[in-house]
Amino acid sequence: MLLEAFEGKIPSSLTDLLSAYTTVSQNAQDEGSRALYHMLEASFTSIPDETDSERPKQYVAKTPFPTPSYYPQTPLSQFENPTIFEKFDADTLFFIFYHQQGTYQQYLAAKELKKQSWRFHKKYMTWFQRHEDPKVITEEFEQGTYVYFDYESGWCQRKKPDFTFEYAFLEDEPFV
């Protein structure tokens, strides 16, 4: 049973649900109870972890430099608000994504880029967007003209005709 696999891993805030789960799983005789049992069983696969409630860590400069004390010393709290990222243009989002690595702001920039139909390619470590509908679409890839963000040599968007975007390299982590 799935319950034993999660024994000891369930956060204390969810232990009251454990008795409800046990009761439903033992009484799963009729159609409705079985459906509820299957929903509960499925929910255990994505049970919250203790780290899900932690606040994002503050940005810490990799190479700190002594600046005058009258310069801002901590990031503005506005940059922790996801709605502000909707107002940024693509260049700003790319800057945040590539220069604020490992921060909550990088996550928010990626989330907004995905809303704007950009897709991250894990092999080339850059963002792609369809320039037009693909000419070929299969289960493994799609082929057509794409626009990609060139962060290494030009910090600009470039067009790539006849590009094969293999889905195996598509970063498709869902954003909630």
N, C-alpha and C. Protein backbone atom coordinates (compact mmCIF):
# COMPACT_ATOMS: atom_id res chain seq x y z
N MET A 1 0.85 -1.19 0.00
CA MET A 1 0.00 0.00 0.00
C MET A 1 0.89 1.25 0.00
N LEU A 2 0.39 2.28 -0.60
CA LEU A 2 1.13 3.52 -0.74
C LEU A 2 1.37 4.21 0.60
N LEU A 3 0.47 4.00 1.53
CA LEU A 3 0.55 4.67 2.83
C LEU A 3 1.84 4.34 3.58
N GLU A 4 2.25 3.08 3.53
CA GLU A 4 3.46 2.68 4.23
C GLU A 4 4.70 3.39 3.65
N ALA A 5 4.67 3.66 2.36
CA ALA A 5 5.80 4.33 1.71
C ALA A 5 6.00 5.74 2.25
N PHE A 6 4.91 6.36 2.72
CA PHE A 6 4.99 7.74 3.20
C PHE A 6 5.04 7.82 4.72
N GLU A 7 5.05 6.69 5.38
CA GLU A 7 5.10 6.66 6.84
C GLU A 7 6.34 7.41 7.34
N GLY A 8 6.15 8.36 8.21
CA GLY A 8 7.26 9.13 8.76
C GLY A 8 7.65 10.32 7.89
N LYS A 9 7.15 10.40 6.68
CA LYS A 9 7.48 11.50 5.78
C LYS A 9 6.37 12.54 5.70
N ILE A 10 5.25 12.24 6.30
CA ILE A 10 4.11 13.15 6.25
C ILE A 10 4.33 14.27 7.25
N PRO A 11 4.25 15.55 6.79
CA PRO A 11 4.42 16.67 7.71
C PRO A 11 3.40 16.62 8.83
N SER A 12 3.78 17.10 9.97
CA SER A 12 2.90 17.06 11.14
C SER A 12 1.60 17.81 10.91
N SER A 13 1.61 18.79 10.05
CA SER A 13 0.39 19.55 9.78
C SER A 13 -0.64 18.73 9.00
N LEU A 14 -0.23 17.60 8.43
CA LEU A 14 -1.15 16.78 7.64
C LEU A 14 -1.49 15.44 8.30
N THR A 15 -1.02 15.21 9.51
CA THR A 15 -1.26 13.91 10.15
C THR A 15 -2.73 13.67 10.43
N ASP A 16 -3.53 14.72 10.62
CA ASP A 16 -4.96 14.51 10.85
C ASP A 16 -5.65 13.91 9.63
N LEU A 17 -5.08 14.11 8.44
CA LEU A 17 -5.64 13.53 7.24
C LEU A 17 -5.33 12.04 7.13
N LEU A 18 -4.33 11.59 7.87
CA LEU A 18 -3.92 10.20 7.82
C LEU A 18 -5.05 9.27 8.26
N SER A 19 -5.76 9.63 9.34
CA SER A 19 -6.86 8.77 9.81
C SER A 19 -8.00 8.75 8.79
N ALA A 20 -8.28 9.87 8.15
CA ALA A 20 -9.32 9.91 7.11
C ALA A 20 -8.93 9.02 5.93
N TYR A 21 -7.69 9.08 5.56
CA TYR A 21 -7.21 8.25 4.45
C TYR A 21 -7.33 6.77 4.80
N THR A 22 -6.94 6.41 6.01
CA THR A 22 -7.01 5.01 6.46
C THR A 22 -8.45 4.52 6.46
N THR A 23 -9.37 5.33 6.98
CA THR A 23 -10.78 4.96 7.03
C THR A 23 -11.35 4.74 5.64
N VAL A 24 -11.10 5.67 4.75
CA VAL A 24 -11.62 5.56 3.39
C VAL A 24 -11.04 4.35 2.68
N SER A 25 -9.73 4.11 2.85
CA SER A 25 -9.11 2.98 2.16
C SER A 25 -9.65 1.65 2.68
N GLN A 26 -10.01 1.57 3.97
CA GLN A 26 -10.55 0.33 4.53
C GLN A 26 -12.01 0.12 4.12
N ASN A 27 -12.74 1.20 3.91
CA ASN A 27 -14.16 1.10 3.57
C ASN A 27 -14.44 1.27 2.08
N ALA A 28 -13.45 1.08 1.26
CA ALA A 28 -13.62 1.29 -0.19
C ALA A 28 -14.39 0.12 -0.81
N GLN A 29 -15.67 -0.01 -0.45
CA GLN A 29 -16.49 -1.11 -0.95
C GLN A 29 -17.34 -0.68 -2.14
N ASP A 30 -18.05 0.40 -2.01
CA ASP A 30 -18.94 0.81 -3.10
C ASP A 30 -18.21 1.67 -4.12
N GLU A 31 -18.87 1.98 -5.22
CA GLU A 31 -18.27 2.73 -6.34
C GLU A 31 -17.78 4.11 -5.91
N GLY A 32 -18.58 4.84 -5.17
CA GLY A 32 -18.20 6.18 -4.74
C GLY A 32 -16.99 6.17 -3.81
N SER A 33 -16.97 5.22 -2.89
CA SER A 33 -15.83 5.12 -1.96
C SER A 33 -14.56 4.73 -2.69
N ARG A 34 -14.67 3.84 -3.68
CA ARG A 34 -13.49 3.45 -4.46
C ARG A 34 -12.94 4.65 -5.23
N ALA A 35 -13.83 5.46 -5.79
CA ALA A 35 -13.38 6.65 -6.52
C ALA A 35 -12.66 7.61 -5.58
N LEU A 36 -13.23 7.81 -4.39
CA LEU A 36 -12.60 8.69 -3.40
C LEU A 36 -11.26 8.12 -2.96
N TYR A 37 -11.22 6.79 -2.76
CA TYR A 37 -9.98 6.12 -2.38
C TYR A 37 -8.90 6.35 -3.45
N HIS A 38 -9.25 6.22 -4.72
CA HIS A 38 -8.27 6.42 -5.79
C HIS A 38 -7.79 7.87 -5.87
N MET A 39 -8.70 8.80 -5.60
CA MET A 39 -8.28 10.21 -5.58
C MET A 39 -7.31 10.48 -4.43
N LEU A 40 -7.61 9.92 -3.27
CA LEU A 40 -6.70 10.09 -2.13
C LEU A 40 -5.37 9.42 -2.40
N GLU A 41 -5.40 8.23 -2.98
CA GLU A 41 -4.17 7.52 -3.31
C GLU A 41 -3.32 8.35 -4.27
N ALA A 42 -3.97 8.95 -5.28
CA ALA A 42 -3.25 9.78 -6.25
C ALA A 42 -2.69 11.04 -5.59
N SER A 43 -3.43 11.60 -4.62
CA SER A 43 -2.95 12.82 -3.97
C SER A 43 -1.69 12.57 -3.14
N PHE A 44 -1.51 11.34 -2.66
CA PHE A 44 -0.31 11.03 -1.89
C PHE A 44 0.95 11.10 -2.73
N THR A 45 0.85 10.98 -4.03
CA THR A 45 2.04 11.06 -4.88
C THR A 45 2.59 12.48 -4.95
N SER A 46 1.75 13.46 -4.66
CA SER A 46 2.24 14.85 -4.69
C SER A 46 2.04 15.53 -3.35
N ILE A 47 2.27 14.80 -2.30
CA ILE A 47 2.11 15.33 -0.95
C ILE A 47 3.11 16.47 -0.70
N PRO A 48 2.68 17.54 -0.04
CA PRO A 48 3.61 18.65 0.20
C PRO A 48 4.81 18.23 1.04
N ASP A 49 5.89 18.87 0.78
CA ASP A 49 7.13 18.63 1.50
C ASP A 49 7.35 19.80 2.45
N GLU A 50 8.15 19.61 3.49
CA GLU A 50 8.40 20.69 4.45
C GLU A 50 9.05 21.90 3.77
N THR A 51 9.84 21.66 2.73
CA THR A 51 10.50 22.77 2.05
C THR A 51 9.54 23.61 1.21
N ASP A 52 8.33 23.08 0.95
CA ASP A 52 7.36 23.84 0.16
C ASP A 52 6.89 25.11 0.87
N SER A 53 7.03 25.15 2.18
CA SER A 53 6.57 26.32 2.93
C SER A 53 7.68 27.31 3.24
N GLU A 54 8.91 27.01 2.83
CA GLU A 54 10.02 27.92 3.11
C GLU A 54 9.97 29.13 2.19
N ARG A 55 10.33 30.27 2.73
CA ARG A 55 10.42 31.48 1.91
C ARG A 55 11.66 31.38 1.03
N PRO A 56 11.59 31.98 -0.15
CA PRO A 56 12.78 31.97 -1.01
C PRO A 56 13.95 32.65 -0.32
N LYS A 57 15.13 32.17 -0.61
CA LYS A 57 16.33 32.73 0.01
C LYS A 57 16.67 34.08 -0.61
N GLN A 58 17.23 34.96 0.20
CA GLN A 58 17.68 36.25 -0.28
C GLN A 58 18.86 36.08 -1.22
N TYR A 59 18.94 36.95 -2.20
CA TYR A 59 20.07 36.93 -3.13
C TYR A 59 21.35 37.29 -2.38
N VAL A 60 22.38 36.51 -2.60
CA VAL A 60 23.70 36.80 -2.04
C VAL A 60 24.67 36.89 -3.20
N ALA A 61 25.35 38.01 -3.32
CA ALA A 61 26.27 38.22 -4.43
C ALA A 61 27.39 37.19 -4.38
N LYS A 62 27.73 36.64 -5.55
CA LYS A 62 28.80 35.65 -5.62
C LYS A 62 30.17 36.30 -5.40
N THR A 63 30.32 37.51 -5.89
CA THR A 63 31.57 38.25 -5.70
C THR A 63 31.21 39.62 -5.14
N PRO A 64 31.00 39.69 -3.83
CA PRO A 64 30.61 40.97 -3.24
C PRO A 64 31.71 42.02 -3.41
N PHE A 65 31.25 43.23 -3.55
CA PHE A 65 32.18 44.34 -3.71
C PHE A 65 31.76 45.42 -2.71
N PRO A 66 32.71 45.99 -2.00
CA PRO A 66 32.33 47.02 -1.02
C PRO A 66 31.79 48.27 -1.72
N THR A 67 30.57 48.60 -1.40
CA THR A 67 29.94 49.79 -1.98
C THR A 67 29.64 50.77 -0.85
N PRO A 68 29.42 52.03 -1.20
CA PRO A 68 29.10 53.01 -0.15
C PRO A 68 27.86 52.60 0.63
N SER A 69 27.83 52.89 1.88
CA SER A 69 26.73 52.48 2.74
C SER A 69 25.40 53.12 2.35
N TYR A 70 25.45 54.25 1.61
CA TYR A 70 24.20 54.90 1.21
C TYR A 70 23.60 54.27 -0.05
N TYR A 71 24.30 53.31 -0.69
CA TYR A 71 23.71 52.53 -1.79
C TYR A 71 22.75 51.51 -1.17
N PRO A 72 21.69 51.14 -1.87
CA PRO A 72 20.82 50.08 -1.33
C PRO A 72 21.63 48.81 -1.06
N GLN A 73 21.42 48.22 0.09
CA GLN A 73 22.20 47.05 0.50
C GLN A 73 21.41 45.74 0.38
N THR A 74 20.12 45.82 0.22
CA THR A 74 19.29 44.63 0.04
C THR A 74 18.36 44.85 -1.14
N PRO A 75 17.97 43.77 -1.82
CA PRO A 75 17.05 43.90 -2.95
C PRO A 75 15.70 44.45 -2.48
N LEU A 76 15.03 45.17 -3.37
CA LEU A 76 13.72 45.70 -3.05
C LEU A 76 12.70 44.57 -2.93
N SER A 77 11.78 44.69 -2.00
CA SER A 77 10.79 43.64 -1.79
C SER A 77 9.81 43.54 -2.97
N GLN A 78 9.69 44.60 -3.78
CA GLN A 78 8.80 44.56 -4.94
C GLN A 78 9.20 43.44 -5.90
N PHE A 79 10.49 43.08 -5.91
CA PHE A 79 10.96 42.07 -6.85
C PHE A 79 10.65 40.65 -6.38
N GLU A 80 9.91 40.54 -5.29
CA GLU A 80 9.41 39.24 -4.86
C GLU A 80 7.93 39.10 -5.20
N ASN A 81 7.36 40.11 -5.83
CA ASN A 81 5.95 40.10 -6.21
C ASN A 81 5.83 39.62 -7.66
N PRO A 82 5.19 38.49 -7.90
CA PRO A 82 5.11 37.95 -9.27
C PRO A 82 4.42 38.88 -10.28
N THR A 83 3.51 39.73 -9.83
CA THR A 83 2.78 40.56 -10.77
C THR A 83 3.66 41.62 -11.44
N ILE A 84 4.75 42.03 -10.78
CA ILE A 84 5.62 43.02 -11.40
C ILE A 84 6.33 42.45 -12.63
N PHE A 85 6.53 41.14 -12.65
CA PHE A 85 7.23 40.51 -13.77
C PHE A 85 6.39 40.53 -15.05
N GLU A 86 5.08 40.68 -14.92
CA GLU A 86 4.20 40.79 -16.09
C GLU A 86 4.46 42.09 -16.85
N LYS A 87 5.02 43.09 -16.17
CA LYS A 87 5.26 44.40 -16.78
C LYS A 87 6.61 44.50 -17.48
N PHE A 88 7.49 43.54 -17.24
CA PHE A 88 8.83 43.58 -17.82
C PHE A 88 8.81 43.10 -19.26
N ASP A 89 9.65 43.71 -20.09
CA ASP A 89 9.78 43.23 -21.47
C ASP A 89 10.68 42.00 -21.48
N ALA A 90 10.75 41.34 -22.63
CA ALA A 90 11.50 40.09 -22.74
C ALA A 90 12.98 40.28 -22.39
N ASP A 91 13.60 41.37 -22.84
CA ASP A 91 15.02 41.59 -22.54
C ASP A 91 15.29 41.65 -21.04
N THR A 92 14.41 42.30 -20.30
CA THR A 92 14.57 42.40 -18.86
C THR A 92 14.41 41.02 -18.22
N LEU A 93 13.43 40.27 -18.69
CA LEU A 93 13.22 38.92 -18.16
C LEU A 93 14.43 38.03 -18.45
N PHE A 94 15.00 38.15 -19.65
CA PHE A 94 16.20 37.37 -19.97
C PHE A 94 17.37 37.78 -19.08
N PHE A 95 17.51 39.07 -18.84
CA PHE A 95 18.59 39.54 -17.97
C PHE A 95 18.44 38.93 -16.57
N ILE A 96 17.23 38.99 -16.03
CA ILE A 96 17.00 38.43 -14.70
C ILE A 96 17.26 36.93 -14.71
N PHE A 97 16.78 36.25 -15.74
CA PHE A 97 16.95 34.80 -15.81
C PHE A 97 18.43 34.40 -15.83
N TYR A 98 19.24 35.07 -16.63
CA TYR A 98 20.64 34.67 -16.78
C TYR A 98 21.58 35.28 -15.73
N HIS A 99 21.16 36.37 -15.07
CA HIS A 99 22.07 37.02 -14.11
C HIS A 99 21.62 36.94 -12.66
N GLN A 100 20.49 36.35 -12.39
CA GLN A 100 20.04 36.16 -11.02
C GLN A 100 19.83 34.66 -10.78
N GLN A 101 20.81 33.88 -11.16
CA GLN A 101 20.68 32.43 -11.12
C GLN A 101 20.50 31.91 -9.71
N GLY A 102 19.60 30.94 -9.60
CA GLY A 102 19.35 30.32 -8.30
C GLY A 102 18.51 31.16 -7.36
N THR A 103 17.84 32.18 -7.87
CA THR A 103 17.02 33.04 -7.02
C THR A 103 15.54 32.87 -7.36
N TYR A 104 14.72 33.37 -6.47
CA TYR A 104 13.27 33.40 -6.71
C TYR A 104 12.96 34.26 -7.93
N GLN A 105 13.74 35.30 -8.15
CA GLN A 105 13.52 36.18 -9.30
C GLN A 105 13.78 35.43 -10.61
N GLN A 106 14.75 34.53 -10.63
CA GLN A 106 15.00 33.73 -11.83
C GLN A 106 13.77 32.86 -12.12
N TYR A 107 13.24 32.27 -11.09
CA TYR A 107 12.03 31.45 -11.23
C TYR A 107 10.87 32.29 -11.79
N LEU A 108 10.66 33.49 -11.23
CA LEU A 108 9.56 34.34 -11.69
C LEU A 108 9.78 34.80 -13.13
N ALA A 109 11.02 35.07 -13.51
CA ALA A 109 11.32 35.46 -14.89
C ALA A 109 11.02 34.30 -15.83
N ALA A 110 11.41 33.10 -15.46
CA ALA A 110 11.13 31.92 -16.29
C ALA A 110 9.63 31.69 -16.42
N LYS A 111 8.94 31.86 -15.34
CA LYS A 111 7.48 31.67 -15.35
C LYS A 111 6.83 32.66 -16.32
N GLU A 112 7.28 33.91 -16.29
CA GLU A 112 6.71 34.92 -17.18
C GLU A 112 7.11 34.68 -18.64
N LEU A 113 8.34 34.25 -18.88
CA LEU A 113 8.76 33.93 -20.25
C LEU A 113 7.90 32.81 -20.82
N LYS A 114 7.57 31.83 -20.00
CA LYS A 114 6.71 30.74 -20.46
C LYS A 114 5.31 31.24 -20.78
N LYS A 115 4.83 32.20 -20.00
CA LYS A 115 3.52 32.79 -20.30
C LYS A 115 3.53 33.48 -21.65
N GLN A 116 4.70 33.99 -22.04
CA GLN A 116 4.84 34.70 -23.32
C GLN A 116 5.25 33.74 -24.45
N SER A 117 5.03 32.44 -24.25
CA SER A 117 5.25 31.39 -25.25
C SER A 117 6.72 31.09 -25.54
N TRP A 118 7.61 31.45 -24.65
CA TRP A 118 9.00 31.05 -24.80
C TRP A 118 9.15 29.67 -24.18
N ARG A 119 10.06 28.85 -24.75
CA ARG A 119 10.31 27.50 -24.25
C ARG A 119 11.81 27.36 -24.03
N PHE A 120 12.18 26.79 -22.89
CA PHE A 120 13.60 26.65 -22.57
C PHE A 120 14.12 25.32 -23.11
N HIS A 121 15.22 25.38 -23.86
CA HIS A 121 15.86 24.21 -24.45
C HIS A 121 17.02 23.81 -23.55
N LYS A 122 16.94 22.61 -22.96
CA LYS A 122 17.94 22.18 -21.97
C LYS A 122 19.30 21.88 -22.60
N LYS A 123 19.34 21.48 -23.84
CA LYS A 123 20.63 21.17 -24.47
C LYS A 123 21.39 22.46 -24.80
N TYR A 124 20.70 23.44 -25.37
CA TYR A 124 21.35 24.70 -25.76
C TYR A 124 21.29 25.76 -24.67
N MET A 125 20.58 25.46 -23.58
CA MET A 125 20.47 26.36 -22.42
C MET A 125 20.00 27.76 -22.81
N THR A 126 19.05 27.81 -23.72
CA THR A 126 18.50 29.11 -24.14
C THR A 126 17.02 28.97 -24.42
N TRP A 127 16.40 30.11 -24.64
CA TRP A 127 14.95 30.19 -24.85
C TRP A 127 14.63 30.23 -26.33
N PHE A 128 13.60 29.49 -26.72
CA PHE A 128 13.11 29.47 -28.10
C PHE A 128 11.64 29.83 -28.11
N GLN A 129 11.22 30.43 -29.23
CA GLN A 129 9.81 30.75 -29.43
C GLN A 129 9.49 30.47 -30.89
N ARG A 130 8.32 29.93 -31.14
CA ARG A 130 7.92 29.68 -32.53
C ARG A 130 7.81 31.00 -33.27
N HIS A 131 8.41 31.05 -34.47
CA HIS A 131 8.26 32.21 -35.34
C HIS A 131 7.01 32.06 -36.20
N GLU A 132 6.70 30.82 -36.53
CA GLU A 132 5.51 30.46 -37.30
C GLU A 132 5.12 29.05 -36.89
N ASP A 133 3.96 28.60 -37.35
CA ASP A 133 3.55 27.24 -37.04
C ASP A 133 4.57 26.25 -37.59
N PRO A 134 4.87 25.20 -36.85
CA PRO A 134 5.86 24.22 -37.31
C PRO A 134 5.41 23.53 -38.61
N LYS A 135 6.39 23.20 -39.44
CA LYS A 135 6.10 22.51 -40.70
C LYS A 135 5.90 21.03 -40.46
N VAL A 136 6.60 20.47 -39.46
CA VAL A 136 6.51 19.06 -39.12
C VAL A 136 6.33 18.94 -37.61
N ILE A 137 5.36 18.12 -37.21
CA ILE A 137 5.16 17.83 -35.79
C ILE A 137 5.01 16.32 -35.65
N THR A 138 5.84 15.72 -34.79
CA THR A 138 5.75 14.29 -34.48
C THR A 138 5.67 14.13 -32.97
N GLU A 139 5.69 12.90 -32.52
CA GLU A 139 5.68 12.63 -31.08
C GLU A 139 6.99 13.06 -30.42
N GLU A 140 8.10 13.02 -31.16
CA GLU A 140 9.42 13.29 -30.59
C GLU A 140 9.94 14.70 -30.84
N PHE A 141 9.46 15.37 -31.87
CA PHE A 141 10.00 16.69 -32.21
C PHE A 141 9.02 17.49 -33.05
N GLU A 142 9.37 18.76 -33.22
CA GLU A 142 8.69 19.61 -34.20
C GLU A 142 9.75 20.39 -34.93
N GLN A 143 9.48 20.71 -36.18
CA GLN A 143 10.48 21.38 -37.01
C GLN A 143 9.84 22.58 -37.68
N GLY A 144 10.57 23.68 -37.69
CA GLY A 144 10.08 24.90 -38.30
C GLY A 144 11.03 26.05 -38.02
N THR A 145 10.53 27.26 -38.20
CA THR A 145 11.33 28.45 -37.94
C THR A 145 11.07 28.94 -36.53
N TYR A 146 12.15 29.16 -35.80
CA TYR A 146 12.08 29.60 -34.40
C TYR A 146 12.89 30.86 -34.22
N VAL A 147 12.53 31.60 -33.19
CA VAL A 147 13.33 32.72 -32.72
C VAL A 147 13.97 32.22 -31.42
N TYR A 148 15.26 32.48 -31.26
CA TYR A 148 15.92 32.09 -30.01
C TYR A 148 16.65 33.29 -29.44
N PHE A 149 16.87 33.24 -28.13
CA PHE A 149 17.57 34.32 -27.47
C PHE A 149 19.05 33.97 -27.39
N ASP A 150 19.87 34.76 -28.06
CA ASP A 150 21.32 34.55 -28.08
C ASP A 150 21.94 35.33 -26.93
N TYR A 151 22.18 34.65 -25.83
CA TYR A 151 22.71 35.32 -24.64
C TYR A 151 24.24 35.31 -24.61
N GLU A 152 24.86 34.49 -25.45
CA GLU A 152 26.32 34.36 -25.40
C GLU A 152 27.04 35.37 -26.28
N SER A 153 26.61 35.50 -27.52
CA SER A 153 27.40 36.34 -28.44
C SER A 153 26.75 37.66 -28.81
N GLY A 154 25.46 37.82 -28.60
CA GLY A 154 24.88 39.07 -29.04
C GLY A 154 23.84 39.69 -28.15
N TRP A 155 23.40 38.95 -27.15
CA TRP A 155 22.33 39.41 -26.28
C TRP A 155 21.18 39.99 -27.11
N CYS A 156 20.69 39.14 -28.02
CA CYS A 156 19.62 39.55 -28.92
C CYS A 156 18.82 38.33 -29.34
N GLN A 157 17.72 38.58 -30.03
CA GLN A 157 16.91 37.51 -30.56
C GLN A 157 17.32 37.26 -32.01
N ARG A 158 17.49 35.98 -32.36
CA ARG A 158 17.88 35.60 -33.71
C ARG A 158 16.89 34.57 -34.24
N LYS A 159 16.76 34.55 -35.55
CA LYS A 159 15.87 33.61 -36.20
C LYS A 159 16.65 32.37 -36.62
N LYS A 160 16.05 31.20 -36.43
CA LYS A 160 16.68 29.93 -36.79
C LYS A 160 15.69 29.15 -37.67
N PRO A 161 15.89 29.20 -39.02
CA PRO A 161 14.99 28.45 -39.91
C PRO A 161 15.30 26.96 -39.88
N ASP A 162 14.30 26.14 -40.18
CA ASP A 162 14.43 24.68 -40.25
C ASP A 162 15.07 24.09 -38.99
N PHE A 163 14.69 24.58 -37.84
CA PHE A 163 15.22 24.07 -36.58
C PHE A 163 14.36 22.90 -36.12
N THR A 164 15.00 21.85 -35.64
CA THR A 164 14.30 20.70 -35.09
C THR A 164 14.34 20.80 -33.56
N PHE A 165 13.19 21.05 -32.97
CA PHE A 165 13.08 21.15 -31.52
C PHE A 165 12.64 19.79 -31.00
N GLU A 166 13.60 19.06 -30.41
CA GLU A 166 13.30 17.74 -29.86
C GLU A 166 12.68 17.91 -28.48
N TYR A 167 11.53 17.27 -28.30
CA TYR A 167 10.81 17.41 -27.03
C TYR A 167 11.60 16.88 -25.85
N ALA A 168 12.55 15.98 -26.09
CA ALA A 168 13.38 15.46 -24.99
C ALA A 168 14.18 16.57 -24.33
N PHE A 169 14.47 17.64 -25.06
CA PHE A 169 15.24 18.76 -24.51
C PHE A 169 14.37 19.92 -24.04
N LEU A 170 13.07 19.74 -24.09
CA LEU A 170 12.16 20.78 -23.65
C LEU A 170 12.06 20.75 -22.12
N GLU A 171 12.35 21.88 -21.49
CA GLU A 171 12.18 22.01 -20.05
C GLU A 171 10.71 22.31 -19.84
N ASP A 172 10.01 21.37 -19.25
CA ASP A 172 8.56 21.54 -19.12
C ASP A 172 8.07 21.41 -17.68
N GLU A 173 8.85 21.95 -16.75
CA GLU A 173 8.41 21.95 -15.36
C GLU A 173 7.16 22.81 -15.24
N PRO A 174 6.11 22.27 -14.65
CA PRO A 174 4.89 23.08 -14.52
C PRO A 174 5.06 24.17 -13.47
N PHE A 175 4.50 25.30 -13.75
CA PHE A 175 4.48 26.40 -12.77
C PHE A 175 3.08 26.52 -12.23
N VAL A 176 3.01 26.63 -10.94
CA VAL A 176 1.69 26.71 -10.31
C VAL A 176 1.28 28.15 -10.17
